[in-house]
Amino acid sequence: MPKLTDIRKKIKVKLQSNPEVEIELYDGVLAADFAEIEKEGDDFKKALLLLVKLICDWNYTDDKDIKLPVTYDNVAKMEILDIKQLIGETRIGKSFLETPPVKK
C-alpha cells in the first residue's frame, strides 16, 4: 500500500549577501502550511510566513552566540534580497517565478 509521506527534500543555501550564513530549508511547502499562509492578506507577510514554514535550520545567533529560533519576527529582520534568494531556491518559488502573469 502506498504511504502518504513528506516527500520534500532539504537543501542548504549560503546567502549571497553573507556567505557565512547557511540556511537549510525544504524545497516545497505542505498543503496545510500553504492554507495557513493563504489566510494572511498581505503578500509580504505571506512571504515571511512561507519562509518560516520552509526553513528547517540556520546558523544565525544572538549577541551571546545562542542560536536564534526560526520565527516570523526573526525572519522579518532579514534583508529583502536574502528573502527573495531563499524563496527562489525552492520548488514553490521557482514555479511562482516561472508562471506568467494572468492577463485581465
Protein backbone atom coordinates (compact mmCIF):
# COMPACT_ATOMS: atom_id res chain seq x y z
CA MET A 1 0.00 0.00 0.00
CA PRO A 2 1.29 3.48 -0.79
CA LYS A 3 2.29 5.60 2.18
CA LEU A 4 1.43 9.26 2.49
CA THR A 5 4.77 10.78 3.44
CA ASP A 6 6.51 14.11 3.31
CA ILE A 7 8.44 13.97 0.02
CA ARG A 8 10.10 17.36 0.35
CA LYS A 9 13.85 17.49 0.14
CA LYS A 10 16.10 19.64 2.29
CA ILE A 11 18.52 22.00 0.59
CA LYS A 12 21.34 24.09 2.03
CA VAL A 13 21.81 27.64 0.84
CA LYS A 14 24.55 30.15 1.59
CA LEU A 15 23.31 33.71 1.41
CA GLN A 16 24.81 35.78 -1.38
CA SER A 17 24.85 38.79 0.94
CA ASN A 18 26.80 36.91 3.62
CA PRO A 19 28.32 33.52 2.70
CA GLU A 20 28.89 32.75 6.40
CA VAL A 21 25.13 32.34 6.77
CA GLU A 22 23.95 28.85 5.91
CA ILE A 23 20.25 28.09 5.85
CA GLU A 24 18.69 24.67 5.45
CA LEU A 25 15.21 24.72 4.01
CA TYR A 26 12.61 22.46 2.49
CA ASP A 27 12.25 22.70 -1.28
CA GLY A 28 8.45 22.85 -1.04
CA VAL A 29 5.57 23.57 1.30
CA LEU A 30 2.89 21.23 2.65
CA ALA A 31 -0.78 21.87 1.82
CA ALA A 32 -1.70 22.55 5.46
CA ASP A 33 1.10 25.11 5.74
CA PHE A 34 0.03 26.70 2.47
CA ALA A 35 -3.55 27.01 3.75
CA GLU A 36 -2.26 28.80 6.86
CA ILE A 37 -0.12 31.12 4.73
CA GLU A 38 -3.06 31.97 2.47
CA LYS A 39 -5.01 33.32 5.48
CA GLU A 40 -2.64 36.30 5.52
CA GLY A 41 -3.95 39.17 3.45
CA ASP A 42 -0.67 40.93 2.75
CA ASP A 43 1.66 39.36 0.16
CA PHE A 44 4.79 40.37 2.05
CA LYS A 45 3.53 38.78 5.26
CA LYS A 46 2.75 35.66 3.23
CA ALA A 47 6.36 35.57 2.00
CA LEU A 48 7.71 35.84 5.55
CA LEU A 49 5.38 33.14 6.84
CA LEU A 50 6.32 30.95 3.87
CA LEU A 51 9.97 31.20 4.87
CA VAL A 52 9.14 30.33 8.47
CA LYS A 53 7.48 27.15 7.15
CA LEU A 54 10.33 26.36 4.73
CA ILE A 55 13.37 26.98 6.96
CA CYS A 56 14.49 23.89 8.89
CA ASP A 57 17.66 25.31 10.38
CA TRP A 58 20.06 28.23 10.18
CA ASN A 59 23.20 29.42 11.88
CA TYR A 60 22.05 32.90 12.97
CA THR A 61 22.90 33.64 16.59
CA ASP A 62 22.27 36.44 19.07
CA ASP A 63 24.90 38.62 20.77
CA LYS A 64 25.70 35.76 23.19
CA ASP A 65 26.23 33.26 20.33
CA ILE A 66 23.00 31.44 21.15
CA LYS A 67 21.27 30.11 18.04
CA LEU A 68 18.16 32.13 17.19
CA PRO A 69 14.91 30.25 16.60
CA VAL A 70 13.27 30.45 13.18
CA THR A 71 10.33 32.74 13.94
CA TYR A 72 8.29 35.25 12.00
CA ASP A 73 9.94 38.13 13.89
CA ASN A 74 13.46 36.83 13.20
CA VAL A 75 12.77 36.15 9.52
CA ALA A 76 11.35 39.69 9.26
CA LYS A 77 14.80 41.03 10.25
CA MET A 78 16.39 39.56 7.12
CA GLU A 79 17.32 41.61 4.06
CA ILE A 80 14.67 41.51 1.32
CA LEU A 81 17.21 40.24 -1.24
CA ASP A 82 18.02 37.31 1.07
CA ILE A 83 14.31 36.50 1.34
CA LYS A 84 13.97 36.57 -2.46
CA GLN A 85 17.05 34.37 -2.85
CA LEU A 86 15.77 31.74 -0.40
CA ILE A 87 12.26 31.57 -1.85
CA GLY A 88 13.76 31.41 -5.35
CA GLU A 89 15.77 28.30 -4.36
CA THR A 90 12.60 26.30 -3.62
CA ARG A 91 10.24 24.47 -5.96
CA ILE A 92 7.37 26.73 -4.97
CA GLY A 93 9.48 29.81 -5.59
CA LYS A 94 10.73 28.56 -8.96
CA SER A 95 7.21 27.66 -10.11
CA PHE A 96 5.92 31.05 -8.99
CA LEU A 97 8.72 32.86 -10.80
CA GLU A 98 8.15 30.84 -13.99
CA THR A 99 4.36 31.31 -14.04
CA PRO A 100 3.40 34.10 -16.43
CA PRO A 101 1.02 36.73 -15.07
CA VAL A 102 -2.66 36.27 -15.83
CA LYS A 103 -3.96 38.75 -18.39
CA LYS A 104 -7.17 40.51 -17.46
